[in-house]
Protein backbone atom coordinates (compact mmCIF):
# COMPACT_ATOMS: atom_id res chain seq x y z
CA MET A 1 107.12 -244.48 138.16
CA ARG A 2 109.19 -247.53 136.49
CA SER A 3 107.55 -246.86 133.11
CA TYR A 4 108.25 -243.08 133.03
CA ALA A 5 111.45 -242.57 135.08
CA PRO A 6 113.86 -245.46 134.52
CA SER A 7 116.76 -243.28 135.05
CA PHE A 8 115.45 -242.64 138.66
CA ILE A 9 114.85 -246.23 139.53
CA PHE A 10 117.75 -248.01 137.65
CA THR A 11 121.24 -246.47 137.85
CA SER A 12 122.57 -248.28 134.64
CA THR A 13 120.01 -246.26 132.36
CA LEU A 14 121.74 -243.10 130.73
CA PRO A 15 120.00 -239.76 131.18
CA PRO A 16 118.66 -238.55 127.75
CA SER A 17 121.01 -235.62 127.64
CA VAL A 18 124.05 -238.21 127.92
CA ALA A 19 122.51 -240.48 125.29
CA ALA A 20 121.87 -237.57 122.91
CA SER A 21 125.46 -236.21 123.46
CA ALA A 22 126.93 -239.59 122.61
CA THR A 23 124.65 -239.92 119.74
CA ALA A 24 125.91 -236.48 118.24
CA ALA A 25 129.64 -237.32 118.96
CA VAL A 26 129.28 -240.53 117.06
CA ARG A 27 127.48 -238.84 114.24
CA HIS A 28 130.39 -236.10 114.10
CA LEU A 29 133.11 -238.68 114.18
CA LYS A 30 131.36 -240.47 111.09
CA ARG A 31 131.88 -237.44 109.36
CA SER A 32 135.12 -236.24 110.50
CA SER A 33 138.59 -237.85 110.44
CA VAL A 34 140.50 -234.88 112.20
CA GLU A 35 140.18 -236.18 115.54
CA ARG A 36 141.23 -239.77 114.62
CA GLU A 37 144.13 -238.34 112.74
CA ARG A 38 145.08 -236.13 115.61
CA HIS A 39 144.70 -239.05 118.05
CA GLN A 40 147.16 -241.18 116.13
CA LEU A 41 149.50 -238.20 115.74
CA MET A 42 149.76 -237.76 119.38
CA ALA A 43 150.39 -241.51 120.14
CA LYS A 44 153.18 -241.42 117.55
CA LEU A 45 154.69 -238.50 118.98
CA VAL A 46 154.58 -239.81 122.54
CA LYS A 47 156.16 -243.07 121.62
CA HIS A 48 159.04 -241.31 119.66
CA ALA A 49 159.69 -238.73 122.67
CA LEU A 50 159.57 -241.58 125.32
CA GLY A 51 161.98 -243.76 123.10
CA ALA A 52 164.17 -240.77 122.45
CA ALA A 53 164.55 -240.21 126.07
CA GLY A 54 165.54 -243.88 126.78
CA LEU A 55 162.21 -244.74 128.44
CA PRO A 56 161.35 -248.59 127.77
CA VAL A 57 158.26 -247.97 125.49
CA MET A 58 156.76 -251.45 124.77
CA ASP A 59 155.83 -251.97 121.20
CA ASN A 60 152.08 -251.58 120.65
CA PRO A 61 150.15 -250.85 117.49
CA SER A 62 147.35 -249.10 119.33
CA HIS A 63 147.18 -245.62 120.75
CA ILE A 64 148.03 -246.79 124.12
CA VAL A 65 151.79 -246.33 124.97
CA PRO A 66 152.82 -248.81 127.70
CA VAL A 67 156.21 -248.10 129.58
CA LEU A 68 157.57 -251.00 131.22
CA VAL A 69 158.52 -250.79 134.74
CA GLY A 70 158.97 -254.39 135.54
CA ASP A 71 158.09 -254.26 139.28
CA ALA A 72 154.87 -253.83 141.08
CA ARG A 73 155.79 -251.72 143.84
CA LYS A 74 157.94 -249.42 141.67
CA CYS A 75 155.03 -249.23 139.00
CA ARG A 76 152.61 -248.01 141.71
CA ALA A 77 155.25 -245.60 143.33
CA ALA A 78 155.97 -244.18 139.70
CA SER A 79 152.28 -243.56 139.21
CA GLU A 80 152.04 -241.92 142.72
CA MET A 81 155.06 -239.91 142.13
CA LEU A 82 153.95 -238.44 138.88
CA LEU A 83 150.74 -237.29 140.33
CA GLU A 84 152.27 -235.72 143.49
CA ARG A 85 155.26 -234.23 142.04
CA HIS A 86 154.08 -233.41 138.40
CA LEU A 87 150.17 -233.42 138.63
CA ILE A 88 150.04 -236.09 135.98
CA TYR A 89 147.89 -239.10 136.28
CA ILE A 90 149.07 -242.41 134.57
CA GLN A 91 147.49 -245.63 135.40
CA PRO A 92 149.66 -248.42 136.75
CA ILE A 93 149.01 -251.67 135.32
CA ASN A 94 149.97 -254.51 137.65
CA TYR A 95 149.44 -258.30 138.06
CA PRO A 96 146.90 -259.94 137.50
CA THR A 97 146.11 -257.65 134.55
CA VAL A 98 149.66 -258.43 133.23
CA ALA A 99 152.16 -260.95 134.02
CA LYS A 100 154.48 -260.46 137.09
CA GLY A 101 157.77 -258.82 135.77
CA THR A 102 155.91 -256.85 133.09
CA GLU A 103 154.24 -254.17 135.25
CA ARG A 104 153.75 -250.95 133.24
CA LEU A 105 152.38 -247.64 133.08
CA ARG A 106 149.52 -247.06 130.58
CA VAL A 107 150.01 -243.80 128.76
CA THR A 108 146.89 -242.71 126.82
CA PRO A 109 147.45 -239.61 124.81
CA THR A 110 144.47 -237.85 123.44
CA PRO A 111 143.71 -235.69 120.58
CA ALA A 112 143.54 -232.84 122.93
CA HIS A 113 147.07 -233.18 124.20
CA SER A 114 149.81 -230.81 122.88
CA GLU A 115 153.45 -231.25 122.02
CA ALA A 116 154.39 -229.05 125.05
CA GLN A 117 152.38 -231.57 127.29
CA ILE A 118 154.26 -234.38 125.81
CA ALA A 119 157.44 -232.65 126.51
CA GLY A 120 156.51 -232.26 130.18
CA LEU A 121 155.50 -235.90 130.32
CA VAL A 122 158.94 -236.85 129.04
CA GLU A 123 160.65 -234.69 131.71
CA ALA A 124 158.38 -235.96 134.42
CA LEU A 125 158.95 -239.68 133.49
CA VAL A 126 162.67 -239.12 133.36
CA ASP A 127 162.58 -237.59 136.93
CA VAL A 128 160.73 -240.48 138.15
CA TRP A 129 162.81 -242.96 136.39
CA LYS A 130 165.83 -241.42 138.07
CA THR A 131 164.45 -241.16 141.44
CA LEU A 132 163.12 -244.66 141.52
CA GLY A 133 166.36 -246.15 139.99
CA LEU A 134 164.57 -247.62 137.20
CA ALA A 135 166.50 -248.82 134.09
CA PHE A 136 166.57 -246.68 131.12
CA GLU A 137 167.20 -248.32 127.49
CA GLU A 138 169.51 -247.12 124.99
CA ALA A 139 167.79 -244.14 123.41
CA ARG A 140 166.00 -245.32 120.43
CA VAL A 141 164.12 -243.34 117.80
CA ILE A 142 160.90 -244.83 117.00
CA PRO A 143 160.53 -243.52 113.42
CA LEU A 144 158.29 -240.64 112.73
CA PHE A 145 159.15 -241.06 108.94
CA ARG A 146 158.92 -244.03 106.67
CA ALA A 147 161.14 -244.61 103.79
CA ASN A 148 159.64 -245.30 100.41
CA ALA A 149 161.35 -245.73 97.00
CA SER A 150 160.32 -242.23 95.89
CA ASP A 151 160.81 -240.09 98.97
CA PRO A 152 163.09 -241.50 101.59
CA ALA A 153 161.99 -238.95 104.23
CA HIS A 154 158.33 -239.38 103.65
CA CYS A 155 156.46 -238.45 106.79
CA VAL A 156 153.88 -240.65 108.05
CA TYR A 157 151.93 -237.66 109.44
CA PRO A 158 152.69 -234.36 107.57
CA GLU A 159 152.04 -232.42 110.92
CA MET A 160 154.76 -234.41 112.46
CA LYS A 161 157.49 -233.53 110.08
CA ARG A 162 156.74 -229.67 111.11
CA ALA A 163 156.98 -230.64 114.51
CA ALA A 164 160.28 -232.64 114.15
CA GLU A 165 162.01 -229.78 112.32
């Protein structure tokens, strides 16, 4: 039984269908950059939209978008309120994962998210921030465009320029 059915005996063994699916996904992503580019685009759009709404987006070079709450109870309450009121699940990150006073919501956009979903997220977070009395920052625009000598309005992502217009 152990030699021929390890997934039946050992729960850490992946079923062949899952292993084959993961292998196919890795092969696809080695050939395609579309998903990676869309993923970076969505992360950039989320950071821009949250910052423009005055939500305290923490600087982070990755696709993860941390939104500072700064209080463990309010962080958990914000996560619960987002789920109950808006049907949005966002992971609260509290001590000991992060230092006390730096509790945050961990927003993780994916390539499958849409601009409409991002707008809905911003509205939901603004509602939660107001309800819980959390501090807004002065609205700041996280740049969608980078300046260069030849084109001062060069867009970091061409799709984003269309979305911003």
